């Protein structure tokens, strides 16, 4: 019985954590087109139709023989300057979790690709209704970047992790918590 009482706070914290994480979404850059120069994908328009939030995952899927992903400052983004990126990703299946509000700038560092439009500005709004009003740091805390006006929240087609909060998800989560609680009492 003493073990059950000690494990109860852990079970409650785990449940709250899982419910909080379930609000995050995964956004595949370019949707079905992915991260490429083929097909004239308008990444600016793609990003403008999304409502990014803290904890969301930005997924770059691409052929690593022909592309990469560089995280850069606003000035580097505007100039397509790949000389000193903040981070470089080369796997072809790169997931980046957004940890700060504000702008997060990415482009392909292969010569000519950024100039051809293979670049994206992921903006996490400071409030749910208004664009950011002050500079912000990117995912790995680069120098400050001035904010730009961005359209308000609109529908998006992100693969949502919110299914955990559905009725079935809540039931499954409850069963996991109960099983964890019971198994800790049996040990």
Protein backbone atom coordinates (compact mmCIF):
# COMPACT_ATOMS: atom_id res chain seq x y z
CA UNK A 1 0.00 0.00 0.00
CA UNK A 2 2.89 2.39 0.77
CA UNK A 3 4.33 1.83 -2.71
CA UNK A 4 0.97 2.65 -4.29
CA UNK A 5 0.77 5.95 -2.38
CA UNK A 6 4.32 6.90 -3.45
CA UNK A 7 3.68 6.10 -7.12
CA UNK A 8 0.42 8.06 -7.33
CA UNK A 9 2.12 11.48 -7.84
CA UNK A 10 4.26 9.98 -10.62
CA UNK A 11 1.17 8.57 -12.34
CA UNK A 12 -0.62 11.93 -12.08
CA UNK A 13 2.41 13.82 -13.45
CA UNK A 14 2.75 11.36 -16.33
CA UNK A 15 -0.92 11.77 -17.22
CA UNK A 16 -0.68 15.58 -17.18
CA UNK A 17 2.48 15.45 -19.31
CA UNK A 18 0.84 13.22 -21.91
CA UNK A 19 -2.21 15.48 -22.08
CA UNK A 20 0.03 18.57 -22.54
CA UNK A 21 2.12 16.92 -25.28
CA UNK A 22 -1.03 15.92 -27.13
CA UNK A 23 -1.62 19.55 -28.15
CA UNK A 24 1.45 19.57 -30.42
CA UNK A 25 1.18 19.05 -34.17
CA UNK A 26 3.55 17.75 -36.83
CA UNK A 27 3.85 19.87 -39.97
CA UNK A 28 5.47 18.36 -43.05
CA UNK A 29 7.02 21.28 -44.91
CA UNK A 30 5.45 21.49 -48.35
CA UNK A 31 2.81 18.89 -47.40
CA UNK A 32 2.81 16.06 -50.00
CA UNK A 33 5.38 17.88 -52.15
CA UNK A 34 7.96 17.88 -49.37
CA UNK A 35 11.16 19.94 -49.37
CA UNK A 36 12.21 20.34 -53.01
CA UNK A 37 12.75 22.70 -55.92
CA UNK A 38 10.54 20.56 -58.17
CA UNK A 39 6.89 21.53 -58.62
CA UNK A 40 7.15 25.24 -57.79
CA UNK A 41 6.03 24.82 -54.19
CA UNK A 42 5.33 28.19 -52.57
CA UNK A 43 6.73 27.67 -49.07
CA UNK A 44 5.77 31.21 -48.04
CA UNK A 45 2.13 30.46 -48.89
CA UNK A 46 2.41 27.03 -47.26
CA UNK A 47 3.59 28.58 -43.96
CA UNK A 48 0.97 31.34 -44.12
CA UNK A 49 -1.80 28.74 -43.98
CA UNK A 50 -0.50 27.18 -40.76
CA UNK A 51 -0.86 28.19 -37.13
CA UNK A 52 2.40 27.11 -35.51
CA UNK A 53 2.61 26.70 -31.73
CA UNK A 54 5.31 25.90 -29.21
CA UNK A 55 6.03 22.17 -29.16
CA UNK A 56 5.04 21.65 -32.80
CA UNK A 57 7.37 19.56 -34.93
CA UNK A 58 8.50 20.83 -38.32
CA UNK A 59 9.31 17.87 -40.57
CA UNK A 60 11.54 18.32 -43.61
CA UNK A 61 11.37 15.34 -45.98
CA UNK A 62 13.66 15.45 -49.02
CA UNK A 63 16.20 13.57 -51.12
CA UNK A 64 19.45 14.08 -49.18
CA UNK A 65 21.50 13.64 -52.36
CA UNK A 66 20.07 16.88 -53.74
CA UNK A 67 18.94 18.98 -50.76
CA UNK A 68 19.59 19.90 -47.14
CA UNK A 69 18.06 22.19 -44.52
CA UNK A 70 19.88 25.11 -42.96
CA UNK A 71 18.56 27.12 -40.05
CA UNK A 72 19.68 30.73 -40.45
CA UNK A 73 19.21 34.28 -39.20
CA UNK A 74 16.73 36.68 -40.80
CA UNK A 75 19.50 38.53 -42.67
CA UNK A 76 20.94 35.26 -44.00
CA UNK A 77 17.43 34.14 -45.00
CA UNK A 78 16.74 37.32 -46.94
CA UNK A 79 20.11 37.16 -48.74
CA UNK A 80 20.12 33.35 -49.19
CA UNK A 81 23.52 33.41 -47.47
CA UNK A 82 24.57 29.87 -46.53
CA UNK A 83 28.07 30.76 -45.32
CA UNK A 84 27.46 30.40 -41.56
CA UNK A 85 24.19 28.57 -40.75
CA UNK A 86 23.02 28.22 -37.17
CA UNK A 87 22.34 24.52 -37.85
CA UNK A 88 22.49 22.19 -40.83
CA UNK A 89 20.36 19.08 -41.31
CA UNK A 90 21.19 16.47 -43.94
CA UNK A 91 19.30 13.24 -43.22
CA UNK A 92 16.42 13.77 -45.62
CA UNK A 93 13.97 13.23 -42.76
CA UNK A 94 14.66 16.01 -40.28
CA UNK A 95 12.31 16.79 -37.39
CA UNK A 96 12.74 20.10 -35.58
CA UNK A 97 10.70 20.84 -32.46
CA UNK A 98 9.77 24.49 -32.09
CA UNK A 99 10.80 25.60 -28.61
CA UNK A 100 10.53 29.40 -28.85
CA UNK A 101 8.02 31.91 -30.16
CA UNK A 102 8.84 34.15 -33.10
CA UNK A 103 10.43 33.48 -36.48
CA UNK A 104 12.45 30.40 -37.39
CA UNK A 105 14.17 30.70 -40.78
CA UNK A 106 15.19 27.71 -42.92
CA UNK A 107 16.43 27.22 -46.47
CA UNK A 108 18.18 24.69 -48.68
CA UNK A 109 21.90 25.44 -48.76
CA UNK A 110 22.51 23.85 -52.17
CA UNK A 111 23.61 26.67 -54.52
CA UNK A 112 20.65 28.23 -56.31
CA UNK A 113 17.94 26.42 -54.35
CA UNK A 114 17.18 29.22 -51.87
CA UNK A 115 17.12 31.74 -54.72
CA UNK A 116 14.65 29.43 -56.50
CA UNK A 117 12.30 29.66 -53.49
CA UNK A 118 13.31 26.68 -51.35
CA UNK A 119 13.09 28.61 -48.10
CA UNK A 120 10.53 28.90 -45.33
CA UNK A 121 9.81 31.23 -42.39
CA UNK A 122 8.09 29.36 -39.56
CA UNK A 123 6.47 31.93 -37.26
CA UNK A 124 5.12 31.01 -33.85
CA UNK A 125 2.80 33.80 -32.79
CA UNK A 126 3.29 35.44 -29.40
CA UNK A 127 -0.48 35.41 -28.72
CA UNK A 128 -3.27 33.47 -30.34
CA UNK A 129 -4.66 36.54 -32.12
CA UNK A 130 -1.80 38.91 -32.91
CA UNK A 131 1.45 38.67 -34.87
CA UNK A 132 4.68 38.93 -32.92
CA UNK A 133 5.58 42.53 -32.11
CA UNK A 134 9.19 42.13 -31.05
CA UNK A 135 12.28 40.25 -32.18
CA UNK A 136 12.58 36.61 -31.25
CA UNK A 137 15.16 33.86 -31.20
CA UNK A 138 15.01 30.81 -33.43
CA UNK A 139 14.91 27.19 -32.27
CA UNK A 140 18.54 27.17 -31.11
CA UNK A 141 18.56 30.77 -29.85
CA UNK A 142 20.28 32.68 -32.67
CA UNK A 143 20.53 36.49 -32.74
CA UNK A 144 17.25 38.43 -32.54
CA UNK A 145 15.15 38.73 -35.68
CA UNK A 146 12.54 41.41 -36.36
CA UNK A 147 9.01 40.09 -36.68
CA UNK A 148 6.95 40.43 -39.85
CA UNK A 149 3.20 40.68 -40.28
CA UNK A 150 1.65 37.27 -40.72
CA UNK A 151 -1.99 36.41 -41.41
CA UNK A 152 -4.01 35.34 -38.40
CA UNK A 153 -4.73 31.72 -37.59
CA UNK A 154 -6.40 29.75 -40.35
CA UNK A 155 -7.30 26.12 -40.93
CA UNK A 156 -4.40 23.80 -41.63
CA UNK A 157 -3.88 20.21 -42.60
CA UNK A 158 -1.19 19.27 -40.09
CA UNK A 159 -1.04 15.73 -38.84
CA UNK A 160 -2.38 16.40 -35.36
CA UNK A 161 -1.34 14.60 -32.23
CA UNK A 162 -4.57 15.78 -30.61
CA UNK A 163 -6.06 12.33 -31.15
CA UNK A 164 -4.80 11.48 -27.67
CA UNK A 165 -7.46 13.80 -26.29
CA UNK A 166 -10.28 12.12 -28.19
CA UNK A 167 -12.63 9.89 -26.28
CA UNK A 168 -10.78 6.75 -27.37
CA UNK A 169 -7.44 8.43 -26.65
CA UNK A 170 -8.54 9.38 -23.15
CA UNK A 171 -9.76 5.87 -22.52
CA UNK A 172 -6.47 4.37 -23.73
CA UNK A 173 -4.48 6.88 -21.66
CA UNK A 174 -6.56 6.07 -18.59
CA UNK A 175 -5.96 2.34 -19.12
CA UNK A 176 -2.19 2.91 -19.38
CA UNK A 177 -2.19 4.96 -16.19
CA UNK A 178 -4.27 2.36 -14.34
CA UNK A 179 -2.00 -0.45 -15.53
CA UNK A 180 1.10 1.49 -14.48
CA UNK A 181 -0.46 2.19 -11.11
CA UNK A 182 -1.48 -1.43 -10.58
CA UNK A 183 1.85 -2.85 -11.80
CA UNK A 184 3.78 -0.58 -9.42
CA UNK A 185 1.68 -1.89 -6.53
CA UNK A 186 2.36 -5.53 -7.49
CA UNK A 187 6.16 -5.19 -7.60
